[in-house]
Amino acid sequence: MNFMDDVFSSQAAGADQGLCLTRRGFLLGSLFAAFSLGMAGSAAQAGKINPSETAITLPDAIKWVAWSGLPPRSGEMATLYGGLDKPGPYLVLMKWHPGYYSAPHLYATDRLSMVLSGAWWVNSGPDFDPANTVRVPSGGFILRVAHTPHYDGVKPDAKEPAVIAIFGIAPVQLELVDPSKPAWRRL
């Protein structure tokens, strides 16, 4: 006997198991029949995407803007969802150009960050010490815990900017550790 004969035969086991195998055979037979009928039809056809249900933004349509008040070519941002000043969740892309770092600062809420390209150099603490930053390459994840000082940036000798996706809950409340010093540092 082959596998299918065993599945559908109540004689394959003793009389006590006959009912169980018959039930199993019926259920498996129904499943195989439904699968065969489904496969016999034409290929599945996808309908058009409903933009109110699935929103897509292709890379060339992402709008990057310079961070206001900061040196030219230091950083750019693209808001993908929500906003830094609107209550609720947000998702932004940040592009850090080589040679720029943020000053030590903190946020009122946690921030989840993932490096999408390039390398981002990060550290925690109130003292600005770029020599002791940790390199986070593309694919790396960073959790910034609320109310803890940190700073980050891209080394001057980097060949490309770092692009980071950042998720958090807004409104963002950035607080500099030392407001008497510039928020951005050029190395």
Protein backbone atom coordinates (compact mmCIF):
# COMPACT_ATOMS: atom_id res chain seq x y z
CA MET A 1 0.00 0.00 0.00
CA ASN A 2 1.12 3.57 -0.55
CA PHE A 3 0.67 6.59 1.72
CA MET A 4 -2.72 7.61 0.30
CA ASP A 5 -4.06 4.05 0.66
CA ASP A 6 -2.95 4.10 4.32
CA VAL A 7 -4.61 7.44 4.93
CA PHE A 8 -7.95 6.49 3.40
CA SER A 9 -8.12 2.88 4.54
CA SER A 10 -9.69 1.93 7.83
CA GLN A 11 -8.16 -1.52 7.39
CA ALA A 12 -4.64 -0.16 7.88
CA ALA A 13 -5.19 -0.20 11.65
CA GLY A 14 -7.15 -2.27 14.08
CA ALA A 15 -10.90 -1.90 14.47
CA ASP A 16 -10.45 0.61 17.33
CA GLN A 17 -8.60 3.02 15.08
CA GLY A 18 -10.80 2.57 12.03
CA LEU A 19 -13.10 5.46 12.89
CA CYS A 20 -10.14 7.75 13.52
CA LEU A 21 -8.49 6.90 10.21
CA THR A 22 -11.76 7.23 8.36
CA ARG A 23 -12.25 10.70 9.86
CA ARG A 24 -8.64 11.59 9.09
CA GLY A 25 -9.03 10.29 5.57
CA PHE A 26 -12.21 12.30 5.08
CA LEU A 27 -10.57 15.50 6.35
CA LEU A 28 -7.37 15.01 4.37
CA GLY A 29 -9.36 14.04 1.28
CA SER A 30 -11.41 17.23 1.57
CA LEU A 31 -8.25 19.28 2.01
CA PHE A 32 -6.57 17.68 -1.02
CA ALA A 33 -9.72 18.15 -3.11
CA ALA A 34 -9.99 21.83 -2.17
CA PHE A 35 -6.30 22.35 -2.87
CA SER A 36 -6.59 20.64 -6.25
CA LEU A 37 -9.60 22.73 -7.23
CA GLY A 38 -7.83 25.91 -6.17
CA MET A 39 -4.74 25.03 -8.14
CA ALA A 40 -6.75 24.08 -11.22
CA GLY A 41 -8.15 27.60 -11.61
CA SER A 42 -6.35 30.46 -13.26
CA ALA A 43 -3.52 32.30 -11.54
CA ALA A 44 -4.55 34.67 -8.78
CA GLN A 45 -5.16 38.21 -9.95
CA ALA A 46 -4.27 41.10 -7.68
CA GLY A 47 -6.52 44.12 -7.69
CA LYS A 48 -5.20 47.66 -7.76
CA ILE A 49 -3.80 48.96 -4.51
CA ASN A 50 -6.18 51.15 -2.58
CA PRO A 51 -4.03 54.15 -1.49
CA SER A 52 -6.28 54.70 1.51
CA GLU A 53 -5.30 51.21 2.71
CA THR A 54 -1.70 50.89 1.47
CA ALA A 55 0.41 54.00 0.96
CA ILE A 56 3.65 53.62 -0.98
CA THR A 57 6.41 56.19 -1.32
CA LEU A 58 9.18 55.18 -3.68
CA PRO A 59 12.74 56.36 -2.93
CA ASP A 60 12.80 59.07 -5.61
CA ALA A 61 9.60 60.58 -4.18
CA ILE A 62 10.98 60.98 -0.63
CA LYS A 63 11.36 64.69 0.06
CA TRP A 64 14.53 65.59 1.92
CA VAL A 65 14.76 69.01 3.58
CA ALA A 66 17.71 70.67 5.27
CA TRP A 67 17.45 70.89 9.04
CA SER A 68 16.51 74.47 9.75
CA GLY A 69 19.06 76.63 11.51
CA LEU A 70 21.89 74.17 11.00
CA PRO A 71 24.99 74.53 8.83
CA PRO A 72 24.48 73.78 5.11
CA ARG A 73 25.12 70.13 4.13
CA SER A 74 25.22 69.03 7.77
CA GLY A 75 21.97 67.12 7.85
CA GLU A 76 18.69 66.54 6.07
CA MET A 77 15.40 65.01 7.15
CA ALA A 78 12.47 63.32 5.43
CA THR A 79 9.23 62.78 7.33
CA LEU A 80 7.60 59.51 6.31
CA TYR A 81 4.83 59.32 8.93
CA GLY A 82 3.42 61.71 11.51
CA GLY A 83 5.63 64.61 12.49
CA LEU A 84 8.06 65.64 15.19
CA ASP A 85 5.66 68.33 16.41
CA LYS A 86 2.36 66.40 16.02
CA PRO A 87 1.18 64.27 18.97
CA GLY A 88 1.51 60.57 18.20
CA PRO A 89 3.95 58.21 16.50
CA TYR A 90 6.37 59.42 13.85
CA LEU A 91 8.87 57.90 11.45
CA VAL A 92 11.56 60.10 9.95
CA LEU A 93 14.69 59.53 7.92
CA MET A 94 17.74 61.54 8.93
CA LYS A 95 20.77 61.99 6.72
CA TRP A 96 23.96 62.98 8.53
CA HIS A 97 26.77 64.28 6.37
CA PRO A 98 30.42 63.51 7.24
CA GLY A 99 32.07 65.77 9.78
CA TYR A 100 28.99 66.76 11.80
CA TYR A 101 27.87 65.68 15.27
CA SER A 102 25.05 66.69 17.56
CA ALA A 103 25.87 68.18 20.94
CA PRO A 104 24.89 66.08 23.97
CA HIS A 105 21.11 66.21 24.29
CA LEU A 106 18.15 64.19 25.54
CA TYR A 107 14.51 63.53 24.68
CA ALA A 108 11.36 63.18 26.76
CA THR A 109 10.44 59.86 25.07
CA ASP A 110 12.32 56.81 23.80
CA ARG A 111 13.54 56.82 20.19
CA LEU A 112 14.16 53.73 18.10
CA SER A 113 16.76 54.13 15.37
CA MET A 114 18.08 51.91 12.60
CA VAL A 115 21.02 52.73 10.35
CA LEU A 116 19.91 52.20 6.75
CA SER A 117 23.16 53.15 5.01
CA GLY A 118 26.59 54.41 5.92
CA ALA A 119 27.83 54.33 9.51
CA TRP A 120 26.57 56.39 12.47
CA TRP A 121 28.82 57.07 15.41
CA VAL A 122 27.03 57.24 18.80
CA ASN A 123 27.76 57.66 22.48
CA SER A 124 25.91 58.42 25.71
CA GLY A 125 26.61 60.84 28.48
CA PRO A 126 26.73 64.58 29.01
CA ASP A 127 30.37 65.07 27.90
CA PHE A 128 31.06 65.51 24.18
CA ASP A 129 33.88 63.12 23.27
CA PRO A 130 33.69 62.06 19.60
CA ALA A 131 36.89 59.99 19.92
CA ASN A 132 34.95 57.55 22.10
CA THR A 133 31.88 57.14 19.91
CA VAL A 134 30.83 53.66 18.80
CA ARG A 135 30.46 52.87 15.10
CA VAL A 136 27.02 51.52 14.16
CA PRO A 137 27.05 50.18 10.58
CA SER A 138 24.19 49.78 8.16
CA GLY A 139 21.62 47.41 9.66
CA GLY A 140 22.47 48.37 13.25
CA PHE A 141 19.76 49.29 15.79
CA ILE A 142 19.98 51.96 18.51
CA LEU A 143 17.53 52.53 21.37
CA ARG A 144 17.76 55.98 22.90
CA VAL A 145 16.19 55.77 26.34
CA ALA A 146 14.11 58.80 27.38
CA HIS A 147 15.78 61.39 29.62
CA THR A 148 19.32 60.07 29.00
CA PRO A 149 21.95 62.34 27.39
CA HIS A 150 23.61 61.22 24.16
CA TYR A 151 25.21 62.53 20.98
CA ASP A 152 25.95 61.15 17.53
CA GLY A 153 27.23 61.96 14.08
CA VAL A 154 29.44 60.90 11.19
CA LYS A 155 33.23 60.95 11.22
CA PRO A 156 34.85 63.54 8.91
CA ASP A 157 36.65 60.88 6.84
CA ALA A 158 33.45 58.95 6.01
CA LYS A 159 32.92 58.37 2.29
CA GLU A 160 29.13 58.81 2.49
CA PRO A 161 26.45 60.23 4.75
CA ALA A 162 24.67 57.99 7.23
CA VAL A 163 20.93 57.54 6.71
CA ILE A 164 19.00 56.63 9.84
CA ALA A 165 15.32 55.74 10.28
CA ILE A 166 14.00 57.08 13.59
CA PHE A 167 10.71 56.13 15.22
CA GLY A 168 9.28 57.70 18.35
CA ILE A 169 6.32 59.39 19.97
CA ALA A 170 5.87 63.12 19.41
CA PRO A 171 5.89 65.91 20.14
CA VAL A 172 9.67 65.66 20.31
CA GLN A 173 11.10 67.61 23.20
CA LEU A 174 14.83 67.97 22.59
CA GLU A 175 16.81 69.36 25.50
CA LEU A 176 20.49 70.29 25.16
CA VAL A 177 22.70 69.29 28.09
CA ASP A 178 24.47 72.67 27.80
CA PRO A 179 22.28 75.20 25.96
CA SER A 180 25.11 77.77 25.98
CA LYS A 181 27.00 75.65 23.38
CA PRO A 182 26.01 75.04 19.73
CA ALA A 183 23.58 72.20 19.05
CA TRP A 184 25.78 70.96 16.17
CA ARG A 185 29.51 70.45 16.09
CA ARG A 186 31.76 70.29 13.04
CA LEU A 187 34.81 68.07 13.50
